[in-house]
C-alpha atoms as a PDB file:
ATOM      1  CA  MET A   1     100.894 102.852  71.101  1.00  0.00           C
ATOM      2  CA  LYS A   2     100.140  99.187  70.550  1.00  0.00           C
ATOM      3  CA  SER A   3     101.004  96.628  73.171  1.00  0.00           C
ATOM      4  CA  VAL A   4     104.433  95.086  72.735  1.00  0.00           C
ATOM      5  CA  GLU A   5     104.329  91.309  72.898  1.00  0.00           C
ATOM      6  CA  LEU A   6     106.711  90.450  75.705  1.00  0.00           C
ATOM      7  CA  LYS A   7     109.060  87.578  75.038  1.00  0.00           C
ATOM      8  CA  LYS A   8     109.546  84.931  77.692  1.00  0.00           C
ATOM      9  CA  LEU A   9     112.903  84.476  79.368  1.00  0.00           C
ATOM     10  CA  PRO A  10     115.669  83.543  78.907  1.00  0.00           C
ATOM     11  CA  LEU A  11     116.724  85.865  76.108  1.00  0.00           C
ATOM     12  CA  LYS A  12     117.518  84.121  72.858  1.00  0.00           C
ATOM     13  CA  LYS A  13     120.637  86.175  72.202  1.00  0.00           C
ATOM     14  CA  ASP A  14     123.874  86.898  74.015  1.00  0.00           C
ATOM     15  CA  ILE A  15     123.759  90.456  75.316  1.00  0.00           C
ATOM     16  CA  GLU A  16     127.013  90.320  77.313  1.00  0.00           C
ATOM     17  CA  SER A  17     129.113  92.580  75.109  1.00  0.00           C
ATOM     18  CA  LYS A  18     132.702  93.489  75.959  1.00  0.00           C
ATOM     19  CA  ARG A  19     131.519  96.777  77.437  1.00  0.00           C
ATOM     20  CA  ILE A  20     129.009  94.971  79.652  1.00  0.00           C
ATOM     21  CA  LEU A  21     131.524  92.378  80.818  1.00  0.00           C
ATOM     22  CA  LYS A  22     134.063  95.080  81.647  1.00  0.00           C
ATOM     23  CA  LYS A  23     131.506  97.128  83.570  1.00  0.00           C
ATOM     24  CA  SER A  24     130.224  93.995  85.355  1.00  0.00           C
ATOM     25  CA  ALA A  25     133.694  93.376  86.750  1.00  0.00           C
ATOM     26  CA  THR A  26     133.987  96.860  88.274  1.00  0.00           C
ATOM     27  CA  ALA A  27     130.430  96.692  89.658  1.00  0.00           C
ATOM     28  CA  HIS A  28     131.234  93.356  91.301  1.00  0.00           C
ATOM     29  CA  ARG A  29     134.350  94.817  92.925  1.00  0.00           C
ATOM     30  CA  ALA A  30     132.357  97.694  94.381  1.00  0.00           C
ATOM     31  CA  LEU A  31     129.689  95.296  95.682  1.00  0.00           C
ATOM     32  CA  ALA A  32     132.304  93.033  97.263  1.00  0.00           C
ATOM     33  CA  GLU A  33     133.847  96.010  99.051  1.00  0.00           C
ATOM     34  CA  LEU A  34     130.412  97.113 100.253  1.00  0.00           C
ATOM     35  CA  LYS A  35     129.654  93.619 101.553  1.00  0.00           C
ATOM     36  CA  GLY A  36     132.850  93.717 103.590  1.00  0.00           C
ATOM     37  CA  VAL A  37     132.139  97.164 105.013  1.00  0.00           C
ATOM     38  CA  VAL A  38     128.621  96.147 106.046  1.00  0.00           C
ATOM     39  CA  SER A  39     130.004  93.301 108.149  1.00  0.00           C
ATOM     40  CA  SER A  40     131.906  95.850 110.277  1.00  0.00           C
ATOM     41  CA  ILE A  41     128.674  97.368 111.675  1.00  0.00           C
ATOM     42  CA  PRO A  42     127.785  95.496 114.892  1.00  0.00           C
ATOM     43  CA  ASN A  43     124.000  95.554 114.556  1.00  0.00           C
ATOM     44  CA  GLU A  44     122.392  94.867 111.172  1.00  0.00           C
ATOM     45  CA  SER A  45     119.144  96.650 112.061  1.00  0.00           C
ATOM     46  CA  ILE A  46     121.061  99.941 112.195  1.00  0.00           C
ATOM     47  CA  LEU A  47     121.727  99.813 108.455  1.00  0.00           C
ATOM     48  CA  ILE A  48     118.421  98.244 107.451  1.00  0.00           C
ATOM     49  CA  ASN A  49     116.505 100.955 109.327  1.00  0.00           C
ATOM     50  CA  THR A  50     118.560 104.007 108.421  1.00  0.00           C
ATOM     51  CA  LEU A  51     119.522 103.152 104.833  1.00  0.00           C
ATOM     52  CA  GLY A  52     116.204 101.420 104.252  1.00  0.00           C
ATOM     53  CA  LEU A  53     114.322 104.580 105.114  1.00  0.00           C
ATOM     54  CA  GLN A  54     116.618 106.540 102.819  1.00  0.00           C
ATOM     55  CA  GLU A  55     115.760 104.184  99.956  1.00  0.00           C
ATOM     56  CA  ALA A  56     112.081 104.252 100.848  1.00  0.00           C
ATOM     57  CA  LYS A  57     112.132 108.040 100.585  1.00  0.00           C
ATOM     58  CA  ASP A  58     113.958 108.059  97.237  1.00  0.00           C
ATOM     59  CA  SER A  59     112.046 105.162  95.669  1.00  0.00           C
ATOM     60  CA  SER A  60     108.751 106.774  96.612  1.00  0.00           C
ATOM     61  CA  ALA A  61     109.948 110.102  95.190  1.00  0.00           C
ATOM     62  CA  ILE A  62     110.340 108.455  91.776  1.00  0.00           C
ATOM     63  CA  GLU A  63     106.568 107.880  91.913  1.00  0.00           C
ATOM     64  CA  ASN A  64     106.039 111.523  92.993  1.00  0.00           C
ATOM     65  CA  ILE A  65     105.391 110.563  96.617  1.00  0.00           C
ATOM     66  CA  ILE A  66     107.422 113.360  98.150  1.00  0.00           C
ATOM     67  CA  THR A  67     108.291 113.619 101.823  1.00  0.00           C
ATOM     68  CA  THR A  68     111.118 114.782 104.091  1.00  0.00           C
ATOM     69  CA  HIS A  69     113.530 113.014 106.416  1.00  0.00           C
ATOM     70  CA  ASP A  70     111.805 114.739 109.322  1.00  0.00           C
ATOM     71  CA  ASP A  71     108.373 113.409 108.328  1.00  0.00           C
ATOM     72  CA  ILE A  72     109.690 109.882 107.724  1.00  0.00           C
ATOM     73  CA  PHE A  73     111.288 109.593 111.143  1.00  0.00           C
ATOM     74  CA  LYS A  74     108.298 111.189 112.844  1.00  0.00           C
ATOM     75  CA  ALA A  75     106.029 108.648 111.155  1.00  0.00           C
ATOM     76  CA  GLU A  76     108.104 105.814 112.620  1.00  0.00           C
ATOM     77  CA  LEU A  77     107.440 107.187 116.116  1.00  0.00           C
ATOM     78  CA  ASN A  78     103.671 106.770 115.664  1.00  0.00           C
ATOM     79  CA  LEU A  79     102.964 109.684 117.976  1.00  0.00           C
ATOM     80  CA  ASP A  80      99.628 111.464 118.298  1.00  0.00           C
ATOM     81  CA  GLY A  81      99.603 114.795 116.544  1.00  0.00           C
ATOM     82  CA  PHE A  82     101.489 113.740 113.410  1.00  0.00           C
ATOM     83  CA  LYS A  83      99.673 112.897 110.189  1.00  0.00           C
ATOM     84  CA  SER A  84     101.351 112.558 106.788  1.00  0.00           C
ATOM     85  CA  LEU A  85      99.925 110.257 104.124  1.00  0.00           C
ATOM     86  CA  ASN A  86     103.132 110.439 102.096  1.00  0.00           C
ATOM     87  CA  ALA A  87     105.282 109.563 105.107  1.00  0.00           C
ATOM     88  CA  LYS A  88     102.950 106.651 105.814  1.00  0.00           C
ATOM     89  CA  GLU A  89     103.479 105.374 102.262  1.00  0.00           C
ATOM     90  CA  VAL A  90     107.225 105.598 102.769  1.00  0.00           C
ATOM     91  CA  GLN A  91     106.851 103.642 106.010  1.00  0.00           C
ATOM     92  CA  ASN A  92     104.926 101.008 104.065  1.00  0.00           C
ATOM     93  CA  TYR A  93     107.911 100.744 101.738  1.00  0.00           C
ATOM     94  CA  ILE A  94     110.375  99.953 104.517  1.00  0.00           C
ATOM     95  CA  SER A  95     107.888  97.407 105.896  1.00  0.00           C
ATOM     96  CA  ALA A  96     107.653  95.801 102.453  1.00  0.00           C
ATOM     97  CA  LEU A  97     111.445  95.706 102.153  1.00  0.00           C
ATOM     98  CA  LYS A  98     111.785  94.026 105.548  1.00  0.00           C
ATOM     99  CA  LYS A  99     109.005  91.589 104.643  1.00  0.00           C
ATOM    100  CA  GLY A 100     110.825  90.660 101.431  1.00  0.00           C
ATOM    101  CA  PHE A 101     114.140  90.207 103.231  1.00  0.00           C
ATOM    102  CA  SER A 102     112.464  87.934 105.764  1.00  0.00           C
ATOM    103  CA  LEU A 103     110.822  85.869 103.021  1.00  0.00           C
ATOM    104  CA  ILE A 104     114.049  85.200 101.101  1.00  0.00           C
ATOM    105  CA  SER A 105     116.391  84.827 104.077  1.00  0.00           C
ATOM    106  CA  LYS A 106     115.736  81.164 104.715  1.00  0.00           C
ATOM    107  CA  ASN A 107     115.694  79.501 101.293  1.00  0.00           C
ATOM    108  CA  LYS A 108     117.136  82.234  99.052  1.00  0.00           C
ATOM    109  CA  ILE A 109     114.250  81.984  96.602  1.00  0.00           C
ATOM    110  CA  LEU A 110     111.707  84.603  95.568  1.00  0.00           C
ATOM    111  CA  THR A 111     108.313  83.260  94.532  1.00  0.00           C
ATOM    112  CA  ASN A 112     105.385  85.061  92.956  1.00  0.00           C
ATOM    113  CA  ASN A 113     103.524  84.611  96.222  1.00  0.00           C
ATOM    114  CA  ASP A 114     106.413  86.439  97.937  1.00  0.00           C
ATOM    115  CA  ILE A 115     106.218  89.245  95.382  1.00  0.00           C
ATOM    116  CA  ILE A 116     102.476  89.553  95.961  1.00  0.00           C
ATOM    117  CA  GLN A 117     103.064  89.749  99.726  1.00  0.00           C
ATOM    118  CA  ILE A 118     105.677  92.477  99.210  1.00  0.00           C
ATOM    119  CA  GLN A 119     103.314  94.522  97.033  1.00  0.00           C
ATOM    120  CA  SER A 120     100.462  93.949  99.487  1.00  0.00           C
ATOM    121  CA  GLU A 121     102.597  95.326 102.322  1.00  0.00           C
ATOM    122  CA  LEU A 122     103.581  98.252 100.133  1.00  0.00           C
ATOM    123  CA  GLU A 123     100.097  99.208  98.988  1.00  0.00           C
ATOM    124  CA  ASN A 124      98.189  97.947 102.035  1.00  0.00           C
ATOM    125  CA  ASN A 125      95.739  95.972  99.902  1.00  0.00           C
ATOM    126  CA  ASN A 126      95.198  92.436  98.654  1.00  0.00           C
ATOM    127  CA  ALA A 127      94.424  93.170  95.011  1.00  0.00           C
ATOM    128  CA  GLY A 128      97.047  90.748  93.659  1.00  0.00           C
ATOM    129  CA  PHE A 129      97.884  90.619  89.957  1.00  0.00           C
ATOM    130  CA  ARG A 130      95.806  92.734  87.578  1.00  0.00           C
ATOM    131  CA  LYS A 131      92.558  91.118  86.450  1.00  0.00           C
ATOM    132  CA  VAL A 132      90.866  94.091  84.774  1.00  0.00           C
ATOM    133  CA  PRO A 133      92.268  95.504  81.487  1.00  0.00           C
ATOM    134  CA  GLY A 134      92.913  99.184  80.932  1.00  0.00           C
ATOM    135  CA  THR A 135      96.380  99.752  82.405  1.00  0.00           C
ATOM    136  CA  ALA A 136      98.677 101.888  80.252  1.00  0.00           C
ATOM    137  CA  LEU A 137     101.932 103.724  80.945  1.00  0.00           C
ATOM    138  CA  LYS A 138     101.855 107.392  79.968  1.00  0.00           C
ATOM    139  CA  ASN A 139     104.334 110.179  79.494  1.00  0.00           C
ATOM    140  CA  ALA A 140     104.175 112.216  82.708  1.00  0.00           C
ATOM    141  CA  THR A 141     104.212 115.505  80.778  1.00  0.00           C
ATOM    142  CA  THR A 142     102.190 114.882  77.616  1.00  0.00           C
ATOM    143  CA  ARG A 143      99.963 112.076  79.002  1.00  0.00           C
ATOM    144  CA  GLU A 144     100.606 110.207  75.750  1.00  0.00           C
ATOM    145  CA  VAL A 145     100.483 106.409  76.096  1.00  0.00           C
ATOM    146  CA  VAL A 146     104.057 105.188  75.622  1.00  0.00           C
ATOM    147  CA  TYR A 147     103.575 101.531  76.517  1.00  0.00           C
ATOM    148  CA  THR A 148     100.677  99.165  77.052  1.00  0.00           C
ATOM    149  CA  PRO A 149     101.593  96.177  79.236  1.00  0.00           C
ATOM    150  CA  PRO A 150      99.871  92.793  78.926  1.00  0.00           C
ATOM    151  CA  GLN A 151      96.153  93.176  79.627  1.00  0.00           C
ATOM    152  CA  ASP A 152      94.933  89.603  79.940  1.00  0.00           C
ATOM    153  CA  TYR A 153      95.083  88.022  83.412  1.00  0.00           C
ATOM    154  CA  ASP A 154      96.145  84.624  82.092  1.00  0.00           C
ATOM    155  CA  THR A 155      98.965  86.228  80.097  1.00  0.00           C
ATOM    156  CA  ILE A 156     100.157  88.086  83.199  1.00  0.00           C
ATOM    157  CA  LEU A 157     100.113  84.830  85.196  1.00  0.00           C
ATOM    158  CA  ASP A 158     102.025  83.016  82.459  1.00  0.00           C
ATOM    159  CA  LEU A 159     104.693  85.717  82.166  1.00  0.00           C
ATOM    160  CA  MET A 160     105.097  85.994  85.937  1.00  0.00           C
ATOM    161  CA  ALA A 161     105.465  82.206  86.238  1.00  0.00           C
ATOM    162  CA  ASN A 162     108.202  82.399  83.618  1.00  0.00           C
ATOM    163  CA  LEU A 163     109.875  85.287  85.450  1.00  0.00           C
ATOM    164  CA  GLU A 164     109.699  83.397  88.743  1.00  0.00           C
ATOM    165  CA  GLN A 165     111.525  80.478  87.151  1.00  0.00           C
ATOM    166  CA  PHE A 166     114.138  82.799  85.646  1.00  0.00           C
ATOM    167  CA  ILE A 167     114.767  84.448  89.022  1.00  0.00           C
ATOM    168  CA  ASN A 168     115.256  81.190  90.905  1.00  0.00           C
ATOM    169  CA  ASP A 169     116.664  78.644  88.453  1.00  0.00           C
ATOM    170  CA  GLU A 170     120.328  79.434  87.788  1.00  0.00           C
ATOM    171  CA  SER A 171     120.553  76.774  85.074  1.00  0.00           C
ATOM    172  CA  ILE A 172     118.246  78.740  82.771  1.00  0.00           C
ATOM    173  CA  SER A 173     120.808  81.426  81.980  1.00  0.00           C
ATOM    174  CA  GLU A 174     124.582  81.706  82.243  1.00  0.00           C
ATOM    175  CA  PHE A 175     124.536  85.496  82.310  1.00  0.00           C
ATOM    176  CA  ASP A 176     126.302  87.306  85.140  1.00  0.00           C
ATOM    177  CA  PRO A 177     123.916  87.820  88.108  1.00  0.00           C
ATOM    178  CA  LEU A 178     124.143  91.597  87.741  1.00  0.00           C
ATOM    179  CA  VAL A 179     123.151  91.329  84.092  1.00  0.00           C
ATOM    180  CA  LYS A 180     120.300  89.032  85.106  1.00  0.00           C
ATOM    181  CA  MET A 181     119.164  91.601  87.652  1.00  0.00           C
ATOM    182  CA  GLY A 182     118.844  94.166  84.864  1.00  0.00           C
ATOM    183  CA  ILE A 183     116.862  91.701  82.743  1.00  0.00           C
ATOM    184  CA  ILE A 184     114.584  90.822  85.668  1.00  0.00           C
ATOM    185  CA  HIS A 185     113.895  94.486  86.384  1.00  0.00           C
ATOM    186  CA  TYR A 186     113.003  95.186  82.753  1.00  0.00           C
ATOM    187  CA  GLN A 187     110.751  92.151  82.518  1.00  0.00           C
ATOM    188  CA  PHE A 188     108.924  92.857  85.767  1.00  0.00           C
ATOM    189  CA  GLU A 189     108.316  96.518  84.916  1.00  0.00           C
ATOM    190  CA  SER A 190     107.148  95.545  81.424  1.00  0.00           C
ATOM    191  CA  ILE A 191     104.740  92.897  82.705  1.00  0.00           C
ATOM    192  CA  HIS A 192     103.526  95.550  85.165  1.00  0.00           C
ATOM    193  CA  PRO A 193     101.560  92.892  87.040  1.00  0.00           C
ATOM    194  CA  PHE A 194      99.929  95.082  89.704  1.00  0.00           C
ATOM    195  CA  TYR A 195      97.482  97.972  89.549  1.00  0.00           C
ATOM    196  CA  ASP A 196      99.801 100.040  91.769  1.00  0.00           C
ATOM    197  CA  GLY A 197     103.289  99.831  93.243  1.00  0.00           C
ATOM    198  CA  ASN A 198     105.066  98.165  90.318  1.00  0.00           C
ATOM    199  CA  GLY A 199     108.045 100.516  90.306  1.00  0.00           C
ATOM    200  CA  ARG A 200     108.662 100.300  94.041  1.00  0.00           C
ATOM    201  CA  THR A 201     108.102  96.537  94.125  1.00  0.00           C
ATOM    202  CA  GLY A 202     110.536  96.130  91.242  1.00  0.00           C
ATOM    203  CA  ARG A 203     113.204  98.125  93.046  1.00  0.00           C
ATOM    204  CA  ILE A 204     112.780  95.961  96.154  1.00  0.00           C
ATOM    205  CA  ILE A 205     113.191  92.870  93.977  1.00  0.00           C
ATOM    206  CA  ASN A 206     116.506  94.295  92.722  1.00  0.00           C
ATOM    207  CA  VAL A 207     118.183  94.351  96.110  1.00  0.00           C
ATOM    208  CA  LEU A 208     116.599  91.069  97.243  1.00  0.00           C
ATOM    209  CA  TYR A 209     118.068  89.415  94.159  1.00  0.00           C
ATOM    210  CA  LEU A 210     121.553  90.584  95.163  1.00  0.00           C
ATOM    211  CA  VAL A 211     121.068  89.049  98.613  1.00  0.00           C
ATOM    212  CA  MET A 212     119.751  85.817  97.098  1.00  0.00           C
ATOM    213  CA  ASN A 213     122.936  85.530  95.063  1.00  0.00           C
ATOM    214  CA  ASN A 214     125.170  86.203  98.096  1.00  0.00           C
ATOM    215  CA  LEU A 215     126.448  89.446  96.600  1.00  0.00           C
ATOM    216  CA  LEU A 216     125.209  91.205  99.753  1.00  0.00           C
ATOM    217  CA  ASP A 217     124.264  89.925 103.192  1.00  0.00           C
ATOM    218  CA  LEU A 218     121.786  92.726 103.885  1.00  0.00           C
ATOM    219  CA  PRO A 219     119.392  94.539 101.519  1.00  0.00           C
ATOM    220  CA  ILE A 220     121.170  97.880 101.690  1.00  0.00           C
ATOM    221  CA  LEU A 221     122.121  98.738  98.083  1.00  0.00           C
ATOM    222  CA  TYR A 222     119.448 101.121  96.934  1.00  0.00           C
ATOM    223  CA  LEU A 223     119.443 102.322  93.348  1.00  0.00           C
ATOM    224  CA  SER A 224     116.634 104.865  93.645  1.00  0.00           C
ATOM    225  CA  ARG A 225     118.977 107.800  94.241  1.00  0.00           C
ATOM    226  CA  TYR A 226     120.745 107.036  90.959  1.00  0.00           C
ATOM    227  CA  ILE A 227     117.412 106.621  89.156  1.00  0.00           C
ATOM    228  CA  ILE A 228     116.150 109.960  90.470  1.00  0.00           C
ATOM    229  CA  GLU A 229     119.302 111.669  89.215  1.00  0.00           C
ATOM    230  CA  ASN A 230     118.973 109.925  85.834  1.00  0.00           C
ATOM    231  CA  LYS A 231     115.202 109.495  85.674  1.00  0.00           C
ATOM    232  CA  GLY A 232     114.692 110.442  82.043  1.00  0.00           C
ATOM    233  CA  GLN A 233     117.350 108.005  80.913  1.00  0.00           C
ATOM    234  CA  TYR A 234     115.813 105.250  83.049  1.00  0.00           C
ATOM    235  CA  TYR A 235     112.487 105.397  81.218  1.00  0.00           C
ATOM    236  CA  THR A 236     114.058 106.030  77.828  1.00  0.00           C
ATOM    237  CA  LEU A 237     116.259 102.934  78.029  1.00  0.00           C
ATOM    238  CA  LEU A 238     113.414 100.694  79.188  1.00  0.00           C
ATOM    239  CA  GLN A 239     111.413 101.895  76.205  1.00  0.00           C
ATOM    240  CA  GLU A 240     114.384 101.407  73.899  1.00  0.00           C
ATOM    241  CA  ILE A 241     114.362  97.672  74.607  1.00  0.00           C
ATOM    242  CA  ARG A 242     110.643  97.454  73.842  1.00  0.00           C
ATOM    243  CA  GLU A 243     111.035  99.289  70.550  1.00  0.00           C
ATOM    244  CA  THR A 244     114.431  98.128  69.241  1.00  0.00           C
ATOM    245  CA  ASP A 245     115.475  95.146  71.419  1.00  0.00           C
ATOM    246  CA  ASN A 246     118.682  97.021  72.288  1.00  0.00           C
ATOM    247  CA  TRP A 247     119.751  95.742  75.714  1.00  0.00           C
ATOM    248  CA  GLU A 248     123.297  97.063  75.976  1.00  0.00           C
ATOM    249  CA  ASN A 249     122.538 100.638  77.034  1.00  0.00           C
ATOM    250  CA  TRP A 250     120.024  99.486  79.656  1.00  0.00           C
ATOM    251  CA  ILE A 251     122.348  96.912  81.205  1.00  0.00           C
ATOM    252  CA  LEU A 252     125.218  99.421  81.275  1.00  0.00           C
ATOM    253  CA  TYR A 253     122.902 101.913  82.988  1.00  0.00           C
ATOM    254  CA  MET A 254     122.052  99.395  85.696  1.00  0.00           C
ATOM    255  CA  LEU A 255     125.686  98.374  86.173  1.00  0.00           C
ATOM    256  CA  ASP A 256     126.702 102.028  86.468  1.00  0.00           C
ATOM    257  CA  ALA A 257     123.969 102.463  89.081  1.00  0.00           C
ATOM    258  CA  ILE A 258     125.180  99.465  91.088  1.00  0.00           C
ATOM    259  CA  GLU A 259     128.806 100.588  91.050  1.00  0.00           C
ATOM    260  CA  GLU A 260     128.138 104.243  91.834  1.00  0.00           C
ATOM    261  CA  ILE A 261     125.643 103.602  94.624  1.00  0.00           C
ATOM    262  CA  ALA A 262     127.833 100.875  96.135  1.00  0.00           C
ATOM    263  CA  LYS A 263     130.718 103.347  96.349  1.00  0.00           C
ATOM    264  CA  GLU A 264     128.470 106.056  97.833  1.00  0.00           C
ATOM    265  CA  THR A 265     127.089 103.584 100.378  1.00  0.00           C
ATOM    266  CA  ILE A 266     130.600 102.537 101.412  1.00  0.00           C
ATOM    267  CA  VAL A 267     131.391 106.177 102.241  1.00  0.00           C
ATOM    268  CA  LEU A 268     128.055 106.631 104.030  1.00  0.00           C
ATOM    269  CA  ILE A 269     128.519 103.518 106.176  1.00  0.00           C
ATOM    270  CA  GLY A 270     132.047 104.654 106.986  1.00  0.00           C
ATOM    271  CA  GLU A 271     130.684 107.949 108.320  1.00  0.00           C
ATOM    272  CA  ILE A 272     127.989 106.148 110.331  1.00  0.00           C
ATOM    273  CA  LYS A 273     130.580 103.745 111.759  1.00  0.00           C
ATOM    274  CA  LYS A 274     132.822 106.639 112.781  1.00  0.00           C
ATOM    275  CA  LEU A 275     129.909 108.346 114.524  1.00  0.00           C
ATOM    276  CA  ILE A 276     128.935 105.125 116.315  1.00  0.00           C
ATOM    277  CA  PHE A 277     132.430 104.902 117.807  1.00  0.00           C
ATOM    278  CA  GLU A 278     132.315 108.583 118.784  1.00  0.00           C
ATOM    279  CA  TYR A 279     129.026 108.066 120.619  1.00  0.00           C
ATOM    280  CA  LYS A 280     130.239 104.829 122.157  1.00  0.00           C
ATOM    281  CA  ASN A 281     133.270 106.521 123.694  1.00  0.00           C
ATOM    282  CA  THR A 282     131.229 109.495 124.909  1.00  0.00           C
ATOM    283  CA  LEU A 283     128.507 107.373 126.482  1.00  0.00           C
ATOM    284  CA  ARG A 284     130.861 104.785 127.983  1.00  0.00           C
ATOM    285  CA  ASP A 285     133.110 107.435 129.529  1.00  0.00           C
ATOM    286  CA  ASN A 286     130.401 109.687 130.943  1.00  0.00           C
ATOM    287  CA  TYR A 287     127.289 107.672 131.725  1.00  0.00           C
ATOM    288  CA  LYS A 288     126.902 104.762 134.119  1.00  0.00           C
ATOM    289  CA  PHE A 289     123.811 103.676 132.202  1.00  0.00           C
ATOM    290  CA  TYR A 290     125.788 103.104 128.977  1.00  0.00           C
ATOM    291  CA  SER A 291     125.083  99.816 127.220  1.00  0.00           C
ATOM    292  CA  GLN A 292     125.485  98.416 123.721  1.00  0.00           C
ATOM    293  CA  ASP A 293     121.683  98.174 123.494  1.00  0.00           C
ATOM    294  CA  LEU A 294     121.375 101.881 124.210  1.00  0.00           C
ATOM    295  CA  LEU A 295     123.973 102.717 121.563  1.00  0.00           C
ATOM    296  CA  ASN A 296     122.227 100.494 119.027  1.00  0.00           C
ATOM    297  CA  ASN A 297     118.908 102.170 119.764  1.00  0.00           C
ATOM    298  CA  LEU A 298     120.230 105.660 119.097  1.00  0.00           C
ATOM    299  CA  PHE A 299     121.419 104.570 115.643  1.00  0.00           C
ATOM    300  CA  LYS A 300     118.603 102.189 114.764  1.00  0.00           C
ATOM    301  CA  HIS A 301     116.119 104.983 115.504  1.00  0.00           C
ATOM    302  CA  PRO A 302     117.510 108.399 114.475  1.00  0.00           C
ATOM    303  CA  TYR A 303     114.344 109.729 116.123  1.00  0.00           C
ATOM    304  CA  THR A 304     113.816 107.673 119.275  1.00  0.00           C
ATOM    305  CA  LYS A 305     111.303 107.762 122.110  1.00  0.00           C
ATOM    306  CA  ILE A 306     110.796 106.435 125.624  1.00  0.00           C
ATOM    307  CA  GLU A 307     108.892 103.356 124.457  1.00  0.00           C
ATOM    308  CA  PHE A 308     111.747 102.335 122.128  1.00  0.00           C
ATOM    309  CA  ILE A 309     114.232 102.544 125.007  1.00  0.00           C
ATOM    310  CA  GLU A 310     111.900 100.603 127.314  1.00  0.00           C
ATOM    311  CA  LYS A 311     111.638  97.798 124.775  1.00  0.00           C
ATOM    312  CA  ASP A 312     115.274  97.624 123.650  1.00  0.00           C
ATOM    313  CA  LEU A 313     116.848  97.971 127.109  1.00  0.00           C
ATOM    314  CA  GLY A 314     114.198  96.182 129.133  1.00  0.00           C
ATOM    315  CA  VAL A 315     113.868  99.080 131.586  1.00  0.00           C
ATOM    316  CA  SER A 316     110.894 100.888 133.115  1.00  0.00           C
ATOM    317  CA  ARG A 317     109.339 103.960 131.534  1.00  0.00           C
ATOM    318  CA  VAL A 318     110.667 106.140 134.329  1.00  0.00           C
ATOM    319  CA  THR A 319     114.203 104.841 133.782  1.00  0.00           C
ATOM    320  CA  ALA A 320     113.988 105.186 129.992  1.00  0.00           C
ATOM    321  CA  SER A 321     112.754 108.762 130.381  1.00  0.00           C
ATOM    322  CA  LYS A 322     115.602 109.541 132.777  1.00  0.00           C
ATOM    323  CA  TYR A 323     118.209 108.253 130.310  1.00  0.00           C
ATOM    324  CA  LEU A 324     116.862 110.188 127.352  1.00  0.00           C
ATOM    325  CA  ASN A 325     116.315 113.427 129.238  1.00  0.00           C
ATOM    326  CA  GLN A 326     119.858 113.314 130.600  1.00  0.00           C
ATOM    327  CA  LEU A 327     121.276 112.784 127.108  1.00  0.00           C
ATOM    328  CA  ALA A 328     119.155 115.661 125.817  1.00  0.00           C
ATOM    329  CA  LYS A 329     120.224 117.923 128.676  1.00  0.00           C
ATOM    330  CA  ASP A 330     123.871 117.241 127.818  1.00  0.00           C
ATOM    331  CA  GLY A 331     123.380 117.878 124.089  1.00  0.00           C
ATOM    332  CA  ILE A 332     123.900 114.274 122.972  1.00  0.00           C
ATOM    333  CA  LEU A 333     120.321 114.220 121.694  1.00  0.00           C
ATOM    334  CA  LYS A 334     117.834 116.952 120.856  1.00  0.00           C
ATOM    335  CA  LYS A 335     114.474 116.767 122.644  1.00  0.00           C
ATOM    336  CA  GLU A 336     111.314 117.741 120.761  1.00  0.00           C
ATOM    337  CA  LYS A 337     107.607 117.621 121.617  1.00  0.00           C
ATOM    338  CA  LEU A 338     104.855 116.317 119.336  1.00  0.00           C
ATOM    339  CA  GLY A 339     101.263 116.226 120.533  1.00  0.00           C
ATOM    340  CA  THR A 340     101.355 114.825 124.044  1.00  0.00           C
ATOM    341  CA  GLY A 341     104.629 112.937 123.578  1.00  0.00           C
ATOM    342  CA  ASN A 342     108.343 113.666 123.336  1.00  0.00           C
ATOM    343  CA  TYR A 343     110.925 112.354 120.922  1.00  0.00           C
ATOM    344  CA  TYR A 344     114.706 112.596 120.829  1.00  0.00           C
ATOM    345  CA  ILE A 345     116.836 113.226 117.748  1.00  0.00           C
ATOM    346  CA  ASN A 346     120.328 111.964 116.983  1.00  0.00           C
ATOM    347  CA  GLU A 347     121.174 115.139 115.061  1.00  0.00           C
ATOM    348  CA  LYS A 348     124.653 114.103 113.952  1.00  0.00           C
ATOM    349  CA  LEU A 349     123.274 110.932 112.371  1.00  0.00           C
ATOM    350  CA  ILE A 350     120.524 112.899 110.620  1.00  0.00           C
ATOM    351  CA  GLU A 351     123.157 115.240 109.171  1.00  0.00           C
ATOM    352  CA  ILE A 352     124.927 112.244 107.619  1.00  0.00           C
ATOM    353  CA  LEU A 353     121.712 110.779 106.208  1.00  0.00           C
ATOM    354  CA  LYS A 354     120.650 114.079 104.626  1.00  0.00           C
ATOM    355  CA  ARG A 355     123.800 114.512 102.561  1.00  0.00           C
END
């Protein structure tokens, strides 16, 4: 298939049909409710860590990097005796997400240099934008080339500079921010500026864009679960724009994803919040060593270890070990051994995250 000449943004036509405007309104309501629910969790790192790892797992799965919850949380422990390249890649994803959130938090802008840093964290290299031609997107089954992105380095730079301006300059387009997010995702994936990690980088950009536009305070709306469940449609609709310039179905797909995942995340956070209060009451009523920092640790790290407790509570190794072993003895946590070290699982939280 010949390369499609990508048009610069903004779009020259109005794509906000009645169906899109109607769906935008319901997606915004779901996002607003999610934003409110997020503010009820006392420690933001709890959601960034737990939901971020969930997204990292799902986003990586779209690229056929398959792992399990168990492997992901073990990888975070960095204990001797555990090796999983796929889990390491998922850990790179959460690091890239946190890096992106840190970069946009101050000025609420996302530059191409930021995007390169995100991809570098994700892929653990410094390759930057593609300089060598030959990249083509193929059908996973037939290996037929379905789309050839821009090949020339100068063209990639030019298109990315245009995309950067579109992302950050609100005066360029009057489209609803959620519609713009769909346009940005299409354009980034079609430019395909990196040798590797374009899909995952693009999905990180999605949630960062919502934060930049104050639609969320934390980057915790992750669309990868929806994309996995509707993967064929995802690629079909991207290709439909390239071949027919039909935007409506793609934008509706993205708006459906935002609304559905926002509603699912509201329920998930509600279950986590309920469990936090359950643990808080149990720990406060039965353990003299209870503290908010301890509670936060057990939810920030579904698999925790002595070193995490030492750091978060500012206690000695002996004391941290005593706390965790007592909680394991009483069935609050489950103690496991890996290599020469131990780790402790918040099983009830894991059950929620696996649903």
